């Protein structure tokens, strides 16, 4: 297994922890990719897609949770 695949699995586990918070507001999140330079690409779905607070949720919530668990990750972006 490559390092990126291992990181991707770890990111997916963190997303499973934050997903219930997003779903409680009618939203969801989908992991699209983890790049070789450690950028996580996600897609916000449902009520989160287009929400005025979605970038705040992404950076303050999702990104912080992922980086706390996986310090190798540099950032999380919405694709």
C-alpha atoms as a PDB file:
ATOM      1  CA  UNK A   1       0.000   0.000   0.000  1.00  0.00           C
ATOM      2  CA  UNK A   2       1.351   3.410  -0.899  1.00  0.00           C
ATOM      3  CA  UNK A   3       1.692   6.209   1.625  1.00  0.00           C
ATOM      4  CA  UNK A   4      -1.011   8.231  -0.139  1.00  0.00           C
ATOM      5  CA  UNK A   5      -3.485   5.331   0.076  1.00  0.00           C
ATOM      6  CA  UNK A   6      -2.742   4.942   3.769  1.00  0.00           C
ATOM      7  CA  UNK A   7      -3.273   8.681   4.318  1.00  0.00           C
ATOM      8  CA  UNK A   8      -6.504   8.512   2.292  1.00  0.00           C
ATOM      9  CA  UNK A   9      -7.831   5.768   4.586  1.00  0.00           C
ATOM     10  CA  UNK A  10      -6.910   7.797   7.646  1.00  0.00           C
ATOM     11  CA  UNK A  11      -8.612  10.900   6.214  1.00  0.00           C
ATOM     12  CA  UNK A  12     -11.746   8.849   5.464  1.00  0.00           C
ATOM     13  CA  UNK A  13     -11.854   7.732   9.116  1.00  0.00           C
ATOM     14  CA  UNK A  14     -11.643  11.322  10.338  1.00  0.00           C
ATOM     15  CA  UNK A  15     -14.421  12.333   7.925  1.00  0.00           C
ATOM     16  CA  UNK A  16     -16.607   9.598   9.410  1.00  0.00           C
ATOM     17  CA  UNK A  17     -16.191  11.324  12.783  1.00  0.00           C
ATOM     18  CA  UNK A  18     -17.218  14.770  11.497  1.00  0.00           C
ATOM     19  CA  UNK A  19     -19.922  13.556   9.109  1.00  0.00           C
ATOM     20  CA  UNK A  20     -22.676  13.319  11.788  1.00  0.00           C
ATOM     21  CA  UNK A  21     -22.251  17.030  12.573  1.00  0.00           C
ATOM     22  CA  UNK A  22     -22.692  17.937   8.918  1.00  0.00           C
ATOM     23  CA  UNK A  23     -25.623  15.564   8.524  1.00  0.00           C
ATOM     24  CA  UNK A  24     -27.366  17.077  11.554  1.00  0.00           C
ATOM     25  CA  UNK A  25     -27.584  20.299   9.526  1.00  0.00           C
ATOM     26  CA  UNK A  26     -28.751  18.508   6.371  1.00  0.00           C
ATOM     27  CA  UNK A  27     -25.336  18.329   4.725  1.00  0.00           C
ATOM     28  CA  UNK A  28     -22.648  15.774   4.000  1.00  0.00           C
ATOM     29  CA  UNK A  29     -19.081  15.514   2.761  1.00  0.00           C
ATOM     30  CA  UNK A  30     -17.419  13.341   0.138  1.00  0.00           C
ATOM     31  CA  UNK A  31     -13.690  12.597  -0.037  1.00  0.00           C
ATOM     32  CA  UNK A  32     -12.520  13.097  -3.613  1.00  0.00           C
ATOM     33  CA  UNK A  33      -8.744  12.841  -3.407  1.00  0.00           C
ATOM     34  CA  UNK A  34      -5.594  13.162  -1.350  1.00  0.00           C
ATOM     35  CA  UNK A  35      -2.877  14.593  -3.570  1.00  0.00           C
ATOM     36  CA  UNK A  36       0.796  13.644  -3.463  1.00  0.00           C
ATOM     37  CA  UNK A  37       1.521  17.023  -1.859  1.00  0.00           C
ATOM     38  CA  UNK A  38      -0.914  16.222   0.986  1.00  0.00           C
ATOM     39  CA  UNK A  39      -3.885  18.364  -0.047  1.00  0.00           C
ATOM     40  CA  UNK A  40      -7.269  16.814   0.744  1.00  0.00           C
ATOM     41  CA  UNK A  41      -9.984  17.486  -1.834  1.00  0.00           C
ATOM     42  CA  UNK A  42     -13.575  17.135  -0.676  1.00  0.00           C
ATOM     43  CA  UNK A  43     -17.043  17.971  -1.947  1.00  0.00           C
ATOM     44  CA  UNK A  44     -19.629  19.422   0.400  1.00  0.00           C
ATOM     45  CA  UNK A  45     -23.101  18.104  -0.345  1.00  0.00           C
ATOM     46  CA  UNK A  46     -26.702  18.705   0.634  1.00  0.00           C
ATOM     47  CA  UNK A  47     -27.341  21.812   2.732  1.00  0.00           C
ATOM     48  CA  UNK A  48     -23.576  22.381   3.049  1.00  0.00           C
ATOM     49  CA  UNK A  49     -23.217  22.905  -0.703  1.00  0.00           C
ATOM     50  CA  UNK A  50     -23.602  26.618  -1.317  1.00  0.00           C
ATOM     51  CA  UNK A  51     -24.111  27.475   2.348  1.00  0.00           C
ATOM     52  CA  UNK A  52     -22.606  30.870   3.249  1.00  0.00           C
ATOM     53  CA  UNK A  53     -20.778  29.212   6.156  1.00  0.00           C
ATOM     54  CA  UNK A  54     -19.429  26.275   4.144  1.00  0.00           C
ATOM     55  CA  UNK A  55     -15.866  27.635   3.898  1.00  0.00           C
ATOM     56  CA  UNK A  56     -15.820  28.303   7.635  1.00  0.00           C
ATOM     57  CA  UNK A  57     -17.095  24.764   8.260  1.00  0.00           C
ATOM     58  CA  UNK A  58     -14.476  23.376   5.896  1.00  0.00           C
ATOM     59  CA  UNK A  59     -11.519  25.271   7.392  1.00  0.00           C
ATOM     60  CA  UNK A  60     -12.452  25.568  11.076  1.00  0.00           C
ATOM     61  CA  UNK A  61     -14.179  22.214  11.375  1.00  0.00           C
ATOM     62  CA  UNK A  62     -13.144  19.642   8.812  1.00  0.00           C
ATOM     63  CA  UNK A  63      -9.597  20.844   8.110  1.00  0.00           C
ATOM     64  CA  UNK A  64      -8.733  21.263  11.795  1.00  0.00           C
ATOM     65  CA  UNK A  65     -10.091  17.799  12.638  1.00  0.00           C
ATOM     66  CA  UNK A  66      -8.075  16.183   9.842  1.00  0.00           C
ATOM     67  CA  UNK A  67      -4.826  18.026  10.606  1.00  0.00           C
ATOM     68  CA  UNK A  68      -5.165  17.264  14.314  1.00  0.00           C
ATOM     69  CA  UNK A  69      -5.275  13.533  13.529  1.00  0.00           C
ATOM     70  CA  UNK A  70      -2.987  13.583  10.475  1.00  0.00           C
ATOM     71  CA  UNK A  71      -0.388  16.372  10.782  1.00  0.00           C
ATOM     72  CA  UNK A  72       1.104  15.503   7.381  1.00  0.00           C
ATOM     73  CA  UNK A  73      -1.954  17.040   5.687  1.00  0.00           C
ATOM     74  CA  UNK A  74      -1.296  20.606   4.549  1.00  0.00           C
ATOM     75  CA  UNK A  75      -4.836  21.762   3.780  1.00  0.00           C
ATOM     76  CA  UNK A  76      -8.372  20.765   2.877  1.00  0.00           C
ATOM     77  CA  UNK A  77     -10.031  22.305  -0.172  1.00  0.00           C
ATOM     78  CA  UNK A  78     -13.475  22.101  -1.704  1.00  0.00           C
ATOM     79  CA  UNK A  79     -13.329  20.792  -5.262  1.00  0.00           C
END
